[in-house]
């Protein structure tokens, strides 16, 4: 297809239809896997054996029946790939010129207050309190210092 041809929306899909995975650099995949399970409720898929010296883990977010969403054209719940990357571990997130920190991506939850309480109980490093920018949201860090965010619609 040439760039200047008109495309009918009824006949063609959008260029981007979802997000299938997010790659997170960590220094210890095994320990990070346990942290993500405990704090975010994700579970390892059966793609990689779970062992202390593992270099990659693929985590999914099971539904209330324990099922993972399938990868596909309209994937709305991405998998997390925890990957050993000692030099890049802790690099997710950035800082605005005014010094404000920002996560690179944001999870969705229907229960942000419960997550906040669980994070406090588990000693998760939290960036302030639940904020009300575009709805309740909370920024926090994984053990490597990667900044993550969760939002409640």
C-alpha atoms as a PDB file:
ATOM      1  CA  UNK A   1       0.000   0.000   0.000  1.00  0.00           C
ATOM      2  CA  UNK A   2       1.341   3.423  -0.876  1.00  0.00           C
ATOM      3  CA  UNK A   3       1.454   6.133   1.764  1.00  0.00           C
ATOM      4  CA  UNK A   4      -0.777   8.537  -0.152  1.00  0.00           C
ATOM      5  CA  UNK A   5      -3.601   6.065  -0.877  1.00  0.00           C
ATOM      6  CA  UNK A   6      -6.777   6.721   1.056  1.00  0.00           C
ATOM      7  CA  UNK A   7      -7.697   3.981   3.528  1.00  0.00           C
ATOM      8  CA  UNK A   8     -11.261   3.226   4.487  1.00  0.00           C
ATOM      9  CA  UNK A   9     -11.565   2.699   8.278  1.00  0.00           C
ATOM     10  CA  UNK A  10     -14.206   0.034   7.635  1.00  0.00           C
ATOM     11  CA  UNK A  11     -11.764  -2.047   5.586  1.00  0.00           C
ATOM     12  CA  UNK A  12      -8.488  -1.603   7.465  1.00  0.00           C
ATOM     13  CA  UNK A  13      -7.433  -2.014  11.076  1.00  0.00           C
ATOM     14  CA  UNK A  14      -5.665   0.726  12.944  1.00  0.00           C
ATOM     15  CA  UNK A  15      -1.879   0.647  12.897  1.00  0.00           C
ATOM     16  CA  UNK A  16      -1.700  -0.055  16.638  1.00  0.00           C
ATOM     17  CA  UNK A  17      -4.423  -2.141  18.289  1.00  0.00           C
ATOM     18  CA  UNK A  18      -3.015  -2.854  21.747  1.00  0.00           C
ATOM     19  CA  UNK A  19       0.032  -3.552  23.881  1.00  0.00           C
ATOM     20  CA  UNK A  20       1.151  -7.150  24.241  1.00  0.00           C
ATOM     21  CA  UNK A  21       4.095  -6.882  26.643  1.00  0.00           C
ATOM     22  CA  UNK A  22       6.222  -4.558  28.728  1.00  0.00           C
ATOM     23  CA  UNK A  23       9.937  -5.273  29.222  1.00  0.00           C
ATOM     24  CA  UNK A  24      11.284  -4.379  32.662  1.00  0.00           C
ATOM     25  CA  UNK A  25      15.037  -4.451  33.361  1.00  0.00           C
ATOM     26  CA  UNK A  26      15.858  -6.015  36.739  1.00  0.00           C
ATOM     27  CA  UNK A  27      19.028  -7.124  38.498  1.00  0.00           C
ATOM     28  CA  UNK A  28      17.582 -10.418  39.838  1.00  0.00           C
ATOM     29  CA  UNK A  29      14.690 -11.956  37.903  1.00  0.00           C
ATOM     30  CA  UNK A  30      13.858 -14.584  40.548  1.00  0.00           C
ATOM     31  CA  UNK A  31      13.603 -12.072  43.415  1.00  0.00           C
ATOM     32  CA  UNK A  32      11.746  -9.556  41.235  1.00  0.00           C
ATOM     33  CA  UNK A  33       9.278 -12.240  40.161  1.00  0.00           C
ATOM     34  CA  UNK A  34       8.390 -12.888  43.817  1.00  0.00           C
ATOM     35  CA  UNK A  35       7.976  -9.134  44.424  1.00  0.00           C
ATOM     36  CA  UNK A  36       5.684  -8.657  41.403  1.00  0.00           C
ATOM     37  CA  UNK A  37       3.589 -11.663  42.479  1.00  0.00           C
ATOM     38  CA  UNK A  38       3.232 -10.418  46.039  1.00  0.00           C
ATOM     39  CA  UNK A  39       2.527  -6.775  45.253  1.00  0.00           C
ATOM     40  CA  UNK A  40       0.799  -6.718  41.849  1.00  0.00           C
ATOM     41  CA  UNK A  41      -0.830 -10.154  41.819  1.00  0.00           C
ATOM     42  CA  UNK A  42       0.727 -11.262  38.545  1.00  0.00           C
ATOM     43  CA  UNK A  43       1.705 -14.882  38.003  1.00  0.00           C
ATOM     44  CA  UNK A  44       4.487 -16.494  35.985  1.00  0.00           C
ATOM     45  CA  UNK A  45       3.471 -18.117  32.725  1.00  0.00           C
ATOM     46  CA  UNK A  46       4.811 -21.559  31.861  1.00  0.00           C
ATOM     47  CA  UNK A  47       7.289 -20.210  29.287  1.00  0.00           C
ATOM     48  CA  UNK A  48      10.326 -20.358  31.584  1.00  0.00           C
ATOM     49  CA  UNK A  49      11.202 -22.626  34.533  1.00  0.00           C
ATOM     50  CA  UNK A  50      11.159 -20.738  37.842  1.00  0.00           C
ATOM     51  CA  UNK A  51      14.595 -20.998  39.444  1.00  0.00           C
ATOM     52  CA  UNK A  52      17.013 -18.708  41.309  1.00  0.00           C
ATOM     53  CA  UNK A  53      19.397 -18.151  38.373  1.00  0.00           C
ATOM     54  CA  UNK A  54      16.739 -17.446  35.733  1.00  0.00           C
ATOM     55  CA  UNK A  55      17.448 -14.618  33.268  1.00  0.00           C
ATOM     56  CA  UNK A  56      13.898 -13.930  32.066  1.00  0.00           C
ATOM     57  CA  UNK A  57      10.390 -14.388  33.421  1.00  0.00           C
ATOM     58  CA  UNK A  58       7.104 -13.729  31.686  1.00  0.00           C
ATOM     59  CA  UNK A  59       4.339 -12.676  34.060  1.00  0.00           C
ATOM     60  CA  UNK A  60       0.659 -12.367  33.320  1.00  0.00           C
ATOM     61  CA  UNK A  61      -2.262 -10.876  35.181  1.00  0.00           C
ATOM     62  CA  UNK A  62      -4.861 -13.613  35.694  1.00  0.00           C
ATOM     63  CA  UNK A  63      -8.561 -12.764  35.766  1.00  0.00           C
ATOM     64  CA  UNK A  64     -10.815 -13.653  38.723  1.00  0.00           C
ATOM     65  CA  UNK A  65     -10.963 -17.257  37.403  1.00  0.00           C
ATOM     66  CA  UNK A  66      -7.176 -17.538  37.225  1.00  0.00           C
ATOM     67  CA  UNK A  67      -7.042 -17.348  33.424  1.00  0.00           C
ATOM     68  CA  UNK A  68      -4.586 -15.226  31.458  1.00  0.00           C
ATOM     69  CA  UNK A  69      -5.775 -13.069  28.580  1.00  0.00           C
ATOM     70  CA  UNK A  70      -4.560 -14.311  25.231  1.00  0.00           C
ATOM     71  CA  UNK A  71      -2.234 -12.253  23.093  1.00  0.00           C
ATOM     72  CA  UNK A  72      -4.095 -10.968  20.086  1.00  0.00           C
ATOM     73  CA  UNK A  73      -5.063  -7.938  18.060  1.00  0.00           C
ATOM     74  CA  UNK A  74      -7.011  -6.301  20.889  1.00  0.00           C
ATOM     75  CA  UNK A  75      -4.768  -7.248  23.796  1.00  0.00           C
ATOM     76  CA  UNK A  76      -5.553  -4.931  26.699  1.00  0.00           C
ATOM     77  CA  UNK A  77      -3.629  -6.625  29.523  1.00  0.00           C
ATOM     78  CA  UNK A  78       0.048  -6.836  28.588  1.00  0.00           C
ATOM     79  CA  UNK A  79       2.442  -9.445  29.923  1.00  0.00           C
ATOM     80  CA  UNK A  80       5.452  -8.280  31.925  1.00  0.00           C
ATOM     81  CA  UNK A  81       8.845  -9.542  30.828  1.00  0.00           C
ATOM     82  CA  UNK A  82      11.336  -9.321  33.694  1.00  0.00           C
ATOM     83  CA  UNK A  83      14.777  -9.454  32.108  1.00  0.00           C
ATOM     84  CA  UNK A  84      18.218  -9.506  33.707  1.00  0.00           C
ATOM     85  CA  UNK A  85      19.875  -6.232  32.771  1.00  0.00           C
ATOM     86  CA  UNK A  86      22.155  -5.175  35.592  1.00  0.00           C
ATOM     87  CA  UNK A  87      23.248  -1.903  33.980  1.00  0.00           C
ATOM     88  CA  UNK A  88      19.707  -0.849  33.027  1.00  0.00           C
ATOM     89  CA  UNK A  89      17.944  -2.101  36.167  1.00  0.00           C
ATOM     90  CA  UNK A  90      16.146   0.765  37.853  1.00  0.00           C
ATOM     91  CA  UNK A  91      16.032   2.838  34.696  1.00  0.00           C
ATOM     92  CA  UNK A  92      12.248   2.894  34.136  1.00  0.00           C
ATOM     93  CA  UNK A  93      10.832   6.341  34.720  1.00  0.00           C
ATOM     94  CA  UNK A  94      12.138   9.804  34.011  1.00  0.00           C
ATOM     95  CA  UNK A  95      12.382  13.229  35.618  1.00  0.00           C
ATOM     96  CA  UNK A  96      10.846  16.413  34.247  1.00  0.00           C
ATOM     97  CA  UNK A  97      12.930  19.606  34.155  1.00  0.00           C
ATOM     98  CA  UNK A  98      11.153  20.755  37.343  1.00  0.00           C
ATOM     99  CA  UNK A  99      12.353  17.628  39.218  1.00  0.00           C
ATOM    100  CA  UNK A 100       9.037  15.762  39.196  1.00  0.00           C
ATOM    101  CA  UNK A 101       9.454  12.029  38.598  1.00  0.00           C
ATOM    102  CA  UNK A 102       7.192  10.164  36.165  1.00  0.00           C
ATOM    103  CA  UNK A 103       6.591   6.483  35.431  1.00  0.00           C
ATOM    104  CA  UNK A 104       6.808   5.264  31.837  1.00  0.00           C
ATOM    105  CA  UNK A 105       3.586   3.228  31.965  1.00  0.00           C
ATOM    106  CA  UNK A 106       0.543   2.964  34.209  1.00  0.00           C
ATOM    107  CA  UNK A 107      -1.444  -0.092  35.314  1.00  0.00           C
ATOM    108  CA  UNK A 108      -5.225   0.039  35.821  1.00  0.00           C
ATOM    109  CA  UNK A 109      -6.919  -1.205  38.998  1.00  0.00           C
ATOM    110  CA  UNK A 110     -10.459  -1.101  40.375  1.00  0.00           C
ATOM    111  CA  UNK A 111      -9.017  -1.082  43.950  1.00  0.00           C
ATOM    112  CA  UNK A 112      -6.283   1.517  44.330  1.00  0.00           C
ATOM    113  CA  UNK A 113      -6.815   1.968  48.084  1.00  0.00           C
ATOM    114  CA  UNK A 114      -6.325  -1.774  48.686  1.00  0.00           C
ATOM    115  CA  UNK A 115      -3.144  -1.700  46.632  1.00  0.00           C
ATOM    116  CA  UNK A 116      -1.882   1.324  48.560  1.00  0.00           C
ATOM    117  CA  UNK A 117      -2.477  -0.453  51.881  1.00  0.00           C
ATOM    118  CA  UNK A 118      -0.800  -3.643  50.617  1.00  0.00           C
ATOM    119  CA  UNK A 119       2.196  -1.647  49.376  1.00  0.00           C
ATOM    120  CA  UNK A 120       2.554   0.014  52.792  1.00  0.00           C
ATOM    121  CA  UNK A 121       2.278  -3.368  54.558  1.00  0.00           C
ATOM    122  CA  UNK A 122       4.891  -4.905  52.260  1.00  0.00           C
ATOM    123  CA  UNK A 123       7.353  -2.017  52.540  1.00  0.00           C
ATOM    124  CA  UNK A 124       7.043  -0.951  48.898  1.00  0.00           C
ATOM    125  CA  UNK A 125       8.650   2.431  48.240  1.00  0.00           C
ATOM    126  CA  UNK A 126       5.758   4.768  47.395  1.00  0.00           C
ATOM    127  CA  UNK A 127       6.055   8.224  45.814  1.00  0.00           C
ATOM    128  CA  UNK A 128       3.773  10.224  48.115  1.00  0.00           C
ATOM    129  CA  UNK A 129       0.100   9.458  48.647  1.00  0.00           C
ATOM    130  CA  UNK A 130      -2.706   8.579  46.245  1.00  0.00           C
ATOM    131  CA  UNK A 131      -2.988  11.590  43.944  1.00  0.00           C
ATOM    132  CA  UNK A 132      -6.079  12.833  42.117  1.00  0.00           C
ATOM    133  CA  UNK A 133      -4.617  13.792  38.735  1.00  0.00           C
ATOM    134  CA  UNK A 134      -6.905  12.394  36.024  1.00  0.00           C
ATOM    135  CA  UNK A 135      -8.403  10.143  38.702  1.00  0.00           C
ATOM    136  CA  UNK A 136      -6.804   8.375  41.663  1.00  0.00           C
ATOM    137  CA  UNK A 137      -3.242   7.284  40.878  1.00  0.00           C
ATOM    138  CA  UNK A 138      -0.196   6.142  42.767  1.00  0.00           C
ATOM    139  CA  UNK A 139       3.467   5.958  41.821  1.00  0.00           C
ATOM    140  CA  UNK A 140       5.745   3.353  43.387  1.00  0.00           C
ATOM    141  CA  UNK A 141       9.040   1.539  42.817  1.00  0.00           C
ATOM    142  CA  UNK A 142      10.025  -2.077  42.341  1.00  0.00           C
ATOM    143  CA  UNK A 143      13.088  -3.400  44.249  1.00  0.00           C
ATOM    144  CA  UNK A 144      15.426  -2.208  41.464  1.00  0.00           C
ATOM    145  CA  UNK A 145      14.067   1.341  41.559  1.00  0.00           C
ATOM    146  CA  UNK A 146      11.957   1.125  38.392  1.00  0.00           C
ATOM    147  CA  UNK A 147       9.124   3.631  38.784  1.00  0.00           C
ATOM    148  CA  UNK A 148       5.674   2.187  38.116  1.00  0.00           C
ATOM    149  CA  UNK A 149       2.215   3.718  38.381  1.00  0.00           C
ATOM    150  CA  UNK A 150      -1.297   2.467  39.017  1.00  0.00           C
ATOM    151  CA  UNK A 151      -4.525   4.334  38.217  1.00  0.00           C
ATOM    152  CA  UNK A 152      -8.158   3.778  39.106  1.00  0.00           C
ATOM    153  CA  UNK A 153     -10.736   4.955  36.540  1.00  0.00           C
END
